[in-house]
């Protein structure tokens, strides 16, 4: 694993190396507004399989993805209901993963062979810059072994992979992130949206946003 300290390294250099890694089918540990994530090119089937191997994650499980814009959202998911789109525009960038109808060209492996896909626009400047420059979605699953806890503490994250035979290719070390829960997961395939997993955004916050939609 190569590690880049984002407090010490030149940001331009970090972005360039990260893009090169992603385009080469590599896997990165990336800081976000919640916990550290494990990312690769979300349209590269071989890279996606590496994520499952590194996490020791069952392949029937889907991987959420990160986007940087609503134009990119349209490339990965089909949002027909304007109420859903307005809701997402109010809450993104932010700690909410929306389950949406997947575009047919998104790899089956990344969506667990389902017709839906989990999408999030993280509220973290470096992550958004990387995704924007990469010009495509990346996976946004938490950087932990399957069955272990997600974390925003870099030492806890790295310790999980330390003795594993398969490791991420690149680590973007931002130190310990502000304490946060993982993202709230919301089913947006019907109206009103339904919370599937409690997380960083509370049920009351979501209900308040839905009142004015």
Protein backbone atom coordinates (compact mmCIF):
# COMPACT_ATOMS: atom_id res chain seq x y z
CA UNK A 1 0.00 0.00 0.00
CA UNK A 2 1.31 3.44 -0.91
CA UNK A 3 0.25 6.16 1.54
CA UNK A 4 -0.16 9.85 0.73
CA UNK A 5 -0.62 12.24 3.66
CA UNK A 6 -3.00 14.94 2.48
CA UNK A 7 -1.74 17.39 5.11
CA UNK A 8 1.84 17.08 3.86
CA UNK A 9 1.62 16.24 0.16
CA UNK A 10 0.80 18.64 -2.63
CA UNK A 11 -2.93 18.31 -3.38
CA UNK A 12 -2.35 18.41 -7.13
CA UNK A 13 0.08 15.52 -6.78
CA UNK A 14 -2.41 13.58 -4.65
CA UNK A 15 -5.20 14.01 -7.19
CA UNK A 16 -2.95 13.04 -10.11
CA UNK A 17 -1.71 9.87 -8.38
CA UNK A 18 -5.23 8.95 -7.31
CA UNK A 19 -6.64 9.36 -10.83
CA UNK A 20 -3.79 7.28 -12.24
CA UNK A 21 -4.53 4.55 -9.70
CA UNK A 22 -8.27 4.54 -10.44
CA UNK A 23 -7.75 4.50 -14.21
CA UNK A 24 -5.35 1.59 -13.80
CA UNK A 25 -7.98 -0.48 -12.02
CA UNK A 26 -6.57 0.20 -8.56
CA UNK A 27 -8.34 0.42 -5.20
CA UNK A 28 -7.93 3.40 -2.86
CA UNK A 29 -8.78 4.26 0.73
CA UNK A 30 -10.34 7.72 0.64
CA UNK A 31 -11.48 10.11 3.40
CA UNK A 32 -15.09 11.28 3.32
CA UNK A 33 -17.51 13.34 5.39
CA UNK A 34 -18.45 10.22 7.39
CA UNK A 35 -15.90 7.36 7.53
CA UNK A 36 -13.03 6.23 5.32
CA UNK A 37 -14.20 4.66 2.08
CA UNK A 38 -12.83 1.99 -0.23
CA UNK A 39 -13.04 3.17 -3.82
CA UNK A 40 -12.38 2.04 -7.37
CA UNK A 41 -13.76 2.80 -10.82
CA UNK A 42 -17.45 1.88 -10.42
CA UNK A 43 -17.63 0.77 -14.07
CA UNK A 44 -14.54 -1.45 -14.00
CA UNK A 45 -15.68 -5.00 -13.27
CA UNK A 46 -12.17 -6.26 -12.48
CA UNK A 47 -11.58 -3.42 -10.00
CA UNK A 48 -14.96 -4.08 -8.38
CA UNK A 49 -14.00 -7.72 -7.88
CA UNK A 50 -10.80 -6.53 -6.16
CA UNK A 51 -12.94 -4.56 -3.69
CA UNK A 52 -14.88 -7.71 -2.77
CA UNK A 53 -11.61 -9.63 -2.34
CA UNK A 54 -9.98 -6.93 -0.21
CA UNK A 55 -13.05 -6.58 2.03
CA UNK A 56 -13.72 -10.34 2.09
CA UNK A 57 -17.27 -9.27 1.23
CA UNK A 58 -19.92 -11.66 -0.13
CA UNK A 59 -20.31 -10.94 -3.85
CA UNK A 60 -24.11 -10.93 -3.72
CA UNK A 61 -23.97 -7.70 -1.71
CA UNK A 62 -24.07 -4.42 -3.59
CA UNK A 63 -21.53 -1.60 -3.33
CA UNK A 64 -22.71 2.02 -2.94
CA UNK A 65 -21.13 4.51 -5.29
CA UNK A 66 -19.98 8.12 -5.05
CA UNK A 67 -20.80 10.82 -7.59
CA UNK A 68 -19.81 14.47 -7.82
CA UNK A 69 -22.74 16.00 -9.71
CA UNK A 70 -26.36 15.50 -10.71
CA UNK A 71 -25.25 14.99 -14.30
CA UNK A 72 -23.24 12.01 -13.05
CA UNK A 73 -26.29 10.82 -11.10
CA UNK A 74 -28.20 10.65 -14.39
CA UNK A 75 -25.45 8.42 -15.79
CA UNK A 76 -25.76 5.81 -13.04
CA UNK A 77 -29.42 5.96 -11.94
CA UNK A 78 -32.83 6.74 -13.38
CA UNK A 79 -34.72 9.35 -11.35
CA UNK A 80 -38.16 9.81 -12.89
CA UNK A 81 -39.92 11.34 -9.87
CA UNK A 82 -39.17 15.07 -9.60
CA UNK A 83 -39.98 14.93 -5.88
CA UNK A 84 -37.09 12.51 -5.37
CA UNK A 85 -34.76 14.71 -7.39
CA UNK A 86 -35.76 17.82 -5.41
CA UNK A 87 -35.23 15.94 -2.15
CA UNK A 88 -31.73 14.87 -3.20
CA UNK A 89 -30.85 18.40 -4.30
CA UNK A 90 -31.68 19.61 -0.79
CA UNK A 91 -29.63 16.97 1.02
CA UNK A 92 -26.59 16.49 -1.26
CA UNK A 93 -23.70 16.82 -0.86
CA UNK A 94 -24.29 15.01 2.40
CA UNK A 95 -24.33 11.81 4.40
CA UNK A 96 -27.28 10.14 2.67
CA UNK A 97 -27.09 7.12 0.38
CA UNK A 98 -30.10 6.94 -1.92
CA UNK A 99 -31.30 3.63 -3.32
CA UNK A 100 -32.46 4.35 -6.88
CA UNK A 101 -33.31 2.45 -10.10
CA UNK A 102 -29.98 1.60 -11.75
CA UNK A 103 -29.05 2.39 -15.33
CA UNK A 104 -28.77 -0.88 -17.22
CA UNK A 105 -25.14 -0.32 -18.14
CA UNK A 106 -23.94 -0.17 -14.52
CA UNK A 107 -22.07 -3.42 -13.74
CA UNK A 108 -24.18 -6.14 -12.14
CA UNK A 109 -21.44 -6.76 -9.57
CA UNK A 110 -21.59 -3.22 -8.19
CA UNK A 111 -25.35 -3.44 -7.69
CA UNK A 112 -25.48 -6.96 -6.30
CA UNK A 113 -27.29 -8.12 -9.46
CA UNK A 114 -30.29 -6.02 -8.44
CA UNK A 115 -32.20 -3.45 -10.49
CA UNK A 116 -31.30 -0.73 -7.97
CA UNK A 117 -28.10 1.06 -7.01
CA UNK A 118 -26.98 2.99 -3.92
CA UNK A 119 -25.70 6.49 -4.71
CA UNK A 120 -24.18 9.25 -2.60
CA UNK A 121 -22.58 12.65 -3.19
CA UNK A 122 -20.14 13.05 -0.27
CA UNK A 123 -19.68 16.43 1.40
CA UNK A 124 -15.89 16.25 1.27
CA UNK A 125 -13.97 18.58 -1.03
CA UNK A 126 -11.07 16.27 -1.94
CA UNK A 127 -13.37 13.33 -2.71
CA UNK A 128 -15.57 15.50 -4.95
CA UNK A 129 -12.51 16.92 -6.74
CA UNK A 130 -11.18 13.42 -7.41
CA UNK A 131 -14.51 12.14 -8.74
CA UNK A 132 -15.00 15.24 -10.89
CA UNK A 133 -11.53 14.96 -12.42
CA UNK A 134 -11.84 11.19 -12.83
CA UNK A 135 -15.07 12.02 -14.69
CA UNK A 136 -16.93 8.97 -13.50
CA UNK A 137 -18.46 7.34 -10.43
CA UNK A 138 -16.34 5.47 -7.90
CA UNK A 139 -17.36 2.94 -5.29
CA UNK A 140 -18.11 4.32 -1.85
CA UNK A 141 -18.22 1.30 0.44
CA UNK A 142 -16.66 1.73 3.89
CA UNK A 143 -12.97 0.82 4.27
CA UNK A 144 -13.27 -2.17 6.56
CA UNK A 145 -13.29 -5.94 6.41
CA UNK A 146 -16.71 -7.53 6.09
CA UNK A 147 -18.20 -7.94 9.57
CA UNK A 148 -15.93 -5.30 11.11
CA UNK A 149 -16.87 -1.72 11.97
CA UNK A 150 -16.41 1.24 9.65
CA UNK A 151 -14.14 3.94 11.05
CA UNK A 152 -12.94 7.50 10.58
CA UNK A 153 -9.72 6.77 12.49
CA UNK A 154 -6.91 6.05 10.05
CA UNK A 155 -4.98 3.68 12.35
CA UNK A 156 -8.10 1.58 12.93
CA UNK A 157 -8.74 1.39 9.20
CA UNK A 158 -5.18 0.42 8.27
CA UNK A 159 -4.90 -2.15 11.05
CA UNK A 160 -7.74 -4.17 9.52
CA UNK A 161 -5.82 -4.68 6.28
CA UNK A 162 -2.32 -4.91 7.77
CA UNK A 163 -2.09 -8.71 7.83
CA UNK A 164 -4.45 -9.48 4.96
CA UNK A 165 -3.05 -11.03 1.77
CA UNK A 166 -4.88 -8.51 -0.43
CA UNK A 167 -4.63 -4.79 0.29
CA UNK A 168 -5.74 -1.50 -1.25
CA UNK A 169 -3.22 0.03 -3.66
CA UNK A 170 -3.28 3.61 -2.37
CA UNK A 171 -4.19 5.26 0.94
CA UNK A 172 -5.16 8.93 1.21
CA UNK A 173 -4.35 9.64 4.85
CA UNK A 174 -6.31 12.58 6.27
CA UNK A 175 -5.65 11.58 9.85
CA UNK A 176 -8.63 10.99 12.13
CA UNK A 177 -11.84 12.31 10.60
CA UNK A 178 -14.44 14.21 12.67
CA UNK A 179 -16.54 11.65 14.54
CA UNK A 180 -19.52 10.55 12.48
CA UNK A 181 -21.79 7.61 11.85
CA UNK A 182 -21.90 6.04 8.38
CA UNK A 183 -24.39 7.52 5.92
CA UNK A 184 -28.13 7.09 6.33
CA UNK A 185 -29.49 4.73 3.65
CA UNK A 186 -32.85 5.70 2.17
CA UNK A 187 -34.99 3.83 -0.36
CA UNK A 188 -35.93 6.44 -2.96
CA UNK A 189 -37.55 4.06 -5.44
CA UNK A 190 -41.00 5.08 -4.15
CA UNK A 191 -42.54 8.09 -2.45
CA UNK A 192 -42.15 9.01 0.31
CA UNK A 193 -38.58 7.69 0.75
CA UNK A 194 -38.09 5.07 3.46
CA UNK A 195 -35.10 4.83 5.80
CA UNK A 196 -33.39 1.44 5.47
CA UNK A 197 -30.42 2.15 7.74
CA UNK A 198 -30.13 4.83 10.40
CA UNK A 199 -26.99 6.93 10.17
CA UNK A 200 -25.46 10.38 10.18
CA UNK A 201 -28.63 12.16 9.00
CA UNK A 202 -31.49 11.71 11.45
CA UNK A 203 -35.03 10.64 10.66
CA UNK A 204 -36.29 14.03 11.86
CA UNK A 205 -33.95 15.89 9.48
CA UNK A 206 -35.23 13.81 6.58
CA UNK A 207 -38.87 14.32 7.58
CA UNK A 208 -38.31 18.09 7.76
CA UNK A 209 -36.94 18.14 4.22
CA UNK A 210 -39.83 16.03 2.93
CA UNK A 211 -42.41 18.45 4.38
CA UNK A 212 -41.43 21.16 1.93
CA UNK A 213 -40.88 19.00 -1.13
